[in-house]
Every structure is written in structure tokens, then in C-alpha cells.
């Protein structure tokens, strides 16, 4: 099973704030973003689980993430079961473990 694809990402924080973006998983790397933040990271797959670390960086507009005012970059750990079409994952901010999120990734396109 491969996760190498273009995925849409819907996320919700434990405070109830929501957002959406896209992410490309390719060769152990993650690239993506939304209207105000971009994401880069690394992933690995073992025992039908995906584990990733992602840096989230503000680049445009108001620096409001699903965790509130975030003008500085922050890192997430993300993990959960691998799936071919939809993955439901969980994420935690590495600088503040009281801030966590649920992510729903939907495969939108295979990579060329």
C-alpha cells in the first residue's frame, strides 16, 4: 500500500477550529499548504501505520492557524493507520502537547 499521492487535508483542533489544505506525499517527503501556511515534512510507514513530522510556516495574510495566532513556525507529529483512499490521522504540536488535531486526508490524484 502506498501513500504517494496528492491528498486534500481537512483538520480540526481540540479547540474546535477547522481548516483545509493539500499535501503531497512523495518518497518519504511531505509538501503542502493552504491559503496562509505551507507545510514540509518527512514520513515513514511501518506496520500499516504512517508517522510524520511536519513544519508549519506562515507565508501570507493573517497568521491565524487552527491553534490561534501563530506567526512563528511550529512542528507537528502526525500518525495513524494507512489507507488507500482516506486516512484519519491525529496530530500534536511538539512545542505544546495540549494542542492537538484530527486530520482527514482524502486521496485526490496519483503522482505522475
C-alpha atoms as a PDB file:
ATOM      1  CA  UNK A   1       0.000   0.000   0.000  1.00  0.00           C
ATOM      2  CA  UNK A   2       1.410   3.390  -0.953  1.00  0.00           C
ATOM      3  CA  UNK A   3       0.512   6.854   0.263  1.00  0.00           C
ATOM      4  CA  UNK A   4       2.455   8.558  -2.526  1.00  0.00           C
ATOM      5  CA  UNK A   5      -0.215  10.856  -3.965  1.00  0.00           C
ATOM      6  CA  UNK A   6      -1.843  14.274  -3.804  1.00  0.00           C
ATOM      7  CA  UNK A   7      -4.168  14.439  -0.794  1.00  0.00           C
ATOM      8  CA  UNK A   8      -6.692  17.023   0.353  1.00  0.00           C
ATOM      9  CA  UNK A   9      -6.464  17.599   4.112  1.00  0.00           C
ATOM     10  CA  UNK A  10      -9.255  18.658   6.449  1.00  0.00           C
ATOM     11  CA  UNK A  11      -8.230  19.356  10.020  1.00  0.00           C
ATOM     12  CA  UNK A  12      -9.839  20.306  13.303  1.00  0.00           C
ATOM     13  CA  UNK A  13      -8.109  21.349  16.525  1.00  0.00           C
ATOM     14  CA  UNK A  14      -9.108  20.236  20.006  1.00  0.00           C
ATOM     15  CA  UNK A  15     -10.450  23.817  20.424  1.00  0.00           C
ATOM     16  CA  UNK A  16     -12.888  23.178  17.538  1.00  0.00           C
ATOM     17  CA  UNK A  17     -11.195  25.396  14.908  1.00  0.00           C
ATOM     18  CA  UNK A  18     -11.142  23.943  11.383  1.00  0.00           C
ATOM     19  CA  UNK A  19      -9.095  24.311   8.219  1.00  0.00           C
ATOM     20  CA  UNK A  20      -8.258  22.648   4.929  1.00  0.00           C
ATOM     21  CA  UNK A  21      -5.334  22.346   2.552  1.00  0.00           C
ATOM     22  CA  UNK A  22      -3.453  19.935   0.324  1.00  0.00           C
ATOM     23  CA  UNK A  23      -0.422  17.706   0.825  1.00  0.00           C
ATOM     24  CA  UNK A  24       1.792  15.679  -1.478  1.00  0.00           C
ATOM     25  CA  UNK A  25       3.390  12.545  -0.050  1.00  0.00           C
ATOM     26  CA  UNK A  26       6.379  11.503  -2.145  1.00  0.00           C
ATOM     27  CA  UNK A  27       9.491   9.427  -1.408  1.00  0.00           C
ATOM     28  CA  UNK A  28       9.295   9.980   2.350  1.00  0.00           C
ATOM     29  CA  UNK A  29       8.679  13.731   1.993  1.00  0.00           C
ATOM     30  CA  UNK A  30       5.554  15.840   2.558  1.00  0.00           C
ATOM     31  CA  UNK A  31       4.897  19.138   0.753  1.00  0.00           C
ATOM     32  CA  UNK A  32       1.692  21.125   1.056  1.00  0.00           C
ATOM     33  CA  UNK A  33      -0.150  24.149   2.255  1.00  0.00           C
ATOM     34  CA  UNK A  34      -3.276  26.240   2.492  1.00  0.00           C
ATOM     35  CA  UNK A  35      -4.069  29.933   1.982  1.00  0.00           C
ATOM     36  CA  UNK A  36      -1.785  31.201   4.757  1.00  0.00           C
ATOM     37  CA  UNK A  37       0.620  28.400   5.740  1.00  0.00           C
ATOM     38  CA  UNK A  38       2.841  25.929   3.915  1.00  0.00           C
ATOM     39  CA  UNK A  39       3.886  22.522   5.249  1.00  0.00           C
ATOM     40  CA  UNK A  40       7.050  20.482   4.756  1.00  0.00           C
ATOM     41  CA  UNK A  41       7.986  17.274   6.446  1.00  0.00           C
ATOM     42  CA  UNK A  42       9.024  13.644   6.444  1.00  0.00           C
ATOM     43  CA  UNK A  43       7.009  10.456   6.783  1.00  0.00           C
ATOM     44  CA  UNK A  44       7.614   6.746   7.181  1.00  0.00           C
ATOM     45  CA  UNK A  45       5.341   3.748   7.016  1.00  0.00           C
ATOM     46  CA  UNK A  46       5.691   0.700   9.258  1.00  0.00           C
ATOM     47  CA  UNK A  47       3.169  -1.942  10.319  1.00  0.00           C
ATOM     48  CA  UNK A  48       0.360  -0.268   8.308  1.00  0.00           C
ATOM     49  CA  UNK A  49       0.895   2.991  10.228  1.00  0.00           C
ATOM     50  CA  UNK A  50       2.117   6.327   8.905  1.00  0.00           C
ATOM     51  CA  UNK A  51       4.220   8.513  11.183  1.00  0.00           C
ATOM     52  CA  UNK A  52       5.256  12.018  10.147  1.00  0.00           C
ATOM     53  CA  UNK A  53       6.844  15.201  11.380  1.00  0.00           C
ATOM     54  CA  UNK A  54       5.684  18.406   9.697  1.00  0.00           C
ATOM     55  CA  UNK A  55       6.872  22.009   9.976  1.00  0.00           C
ATOM     56  CA  UNK A  56       4.085  24.591   9.511  1.00  0.00           C
ATOM     57  CA  UNK A  57       5.229  28.044   8.338  1.00  0.00           C
ATOM     58  CA  UNK A  58       3.169  31.219   7.881  1.00  0.00           C
ATOM     59  CA  UNK A  59       3.694  32.928   4.499  1.00  0.00           C
ATOM     60  CA  UNK A  60       0.705  35.232   3.744  1.00  0.00           C
ATOM     61  CA  UNK A  61      -2.278  37.004   5.294  1.00  0.00           C
ATOM     62  CA  UNK A  62      -3.211  36.921   8.951  1.00  0.00           C
ATOM     63  CA  UNK A  63      -1.160  34.366  10.904  1.00  0.00           C
ATOM     64  CA  UNK A  64      -4.181  32.502  12.277  1.00  0.00           C
ATOM     65  CA  UNK A  65      -3.853  28.737  12.377  1.00  0.00           C
ATOM     66  CA  UNK A  66      -6.345  26.297  13.878  1.00  0.00           C
ATOM     67  CA  UNK A  67      -4.395  26.801  17.115  1.00  0.00           C
ATOM     68  CA  UNK A  68      -4.793  30.588  17.153  1.00  0.00           C
ATOM     69  CA  UNK A  69      -2.296  33.377  16.424  1.00  0.00           C
ATOM     70  CA  UNK A  70       0.807  31.625  15.025  1.00  0.00           C
ATOM     71  CA  UNK A  71       3.254  33.971  13.264  1.00  0.00           C
ATOM     72  CA  UNK A  72       6.226  31.702  14.083  1.00  0.00           C
ATOM     73  CA  UNK A  73       6.795  28.252  12.543  1.00  0.00           C
ATOM     74  CA  UNK A  74       5.736  25.242  14.582  1.00  0.00           C
ATOM     75  CA  UNK A  75       6.210  21.492  14.296  1.00  0.00           C
ATOM     76  CA  UNK A  76       3.663  18.676  14.438  1.00  0.00           C
ATOM     77  CA  UNK A  77       3.913  14.950  14.888  1.00  0.00           C
ATOM     78  CA  UNK A  78       1.202  13.133  12.940  1.00  0.00           C
ATOM     79  CA  UNK A  79       0.279   9.473  12.827  1.00  0.00           C
ATOM     80  CA  UNK A  80      -2.361   6.857  12.248  1.00  0.00           C
ATOM     81  CA  UNK A  81      -3.428   3.936  10.080  1.00  0.00           C
ATOM     82  CA  UNK A  82      -2.534   3.906   6.370  1.00  0.00           C
ATOM     83  CA  UNK A  83      -5.333   3.676   3.801  1.00  0.00           C
ATOM     84  CA  UNK A  84      -5.521   3.776   0.006  1.00  0.00           C
ATOM     85  CA  UNK A  85      -8.250   6.416  -0.225  1.00  0.00           C
ATOM     86  CA  UNK A  86      -8.969   8.135   3.129  1.00  0.00           C
ATOM     87  CA  UNK A  87      -6.697   8.389   6.159  1.00  0.00           C
ATOM     88  CA  UNK A  88      -7.875   9.583   9.571  1.00  0.00           C
ATOM     89  CA  UNK A  89      -4.803  10.738  11.471  1.00  0.00           C
ATOM     90  CA  UNK A  90      -4.013  12.548  14.718  1.00  0.00           C
ATOM     91  CA  UNK A  91      -1.510  15.353  15.226  1.00  0.00           C
ATOM     92  CA  UNK A  92       0.148  17.003  18.231  1.00  0.00           C
ATOM     93  CA  UNK A  93       2.103  20.255  18.403  1.00  0.00           C
ATOM     94  CA  UNK A  94       5.620  19.466  19.503  1.00  0.00           C
ATOM     95  CA  UNK A  95       6.000  22.758  21.401  1.00  0.00           C
ATOM     96  CA  UNK A  96       2.687  22.416  23.269  1.00  0.00           C
ATOM     97  CA  UNK A  97       1.225  18.911  23.620  1.00  0.00           C
ATOM     98  CA  UNK A  98      -2.044  20.377  24.935  1.00  0.00           C
ATOM     99  CA  UNK A  99      -2.716  21.463  21.321  1.00  0.00           C
ATOM    100  CA  UNK A 100      -3.730  18.581  19.122  1.00  0.00           C
ATOM    101  CA  UNK A 101      -5.752  17.957  15.981  1.00  0.00           C
ATOM    102  CA  UNK A 102      -7.574  15.408  13.903  1.00  0.00           C
ATOM    103  CA  UNK A 103      -6.800  15.177  10.191  1.00  0.00           C
ATOM    104  CA  UNK A 104      -8.820  13.586   7.398  1.00  0.00           C
ATOM    105  CA  UNK A 105      -6.772  13.038   4.249  1.00  0.00           C
ATOM    106  CA  UNK A 106      -8.554  12.127   1.007  1.00  0.00           C
ATOM    107  CA  UNK A 107      -6.551  10.890  -1.962  1.00  0.00           C
ATOM    108  CA  UNK A 108      -7.224  13.182  -4.936  1.00  0.00           C
ATOM    109  CA  UNK A 109      -4.652  12.171  -7.568  1.00  0.00           C
ATOM    110  CA  UNK A 110      -1.873   9.710  -8.219  1.00  0.00           C
ATOM    111  CA  UNK A 111       1.559  11.226  -8.782  1.00  0.00           C
ATOM    112  CA  UNK A 112       2.940  11.205 -12.330  1.00  0.00           C
END
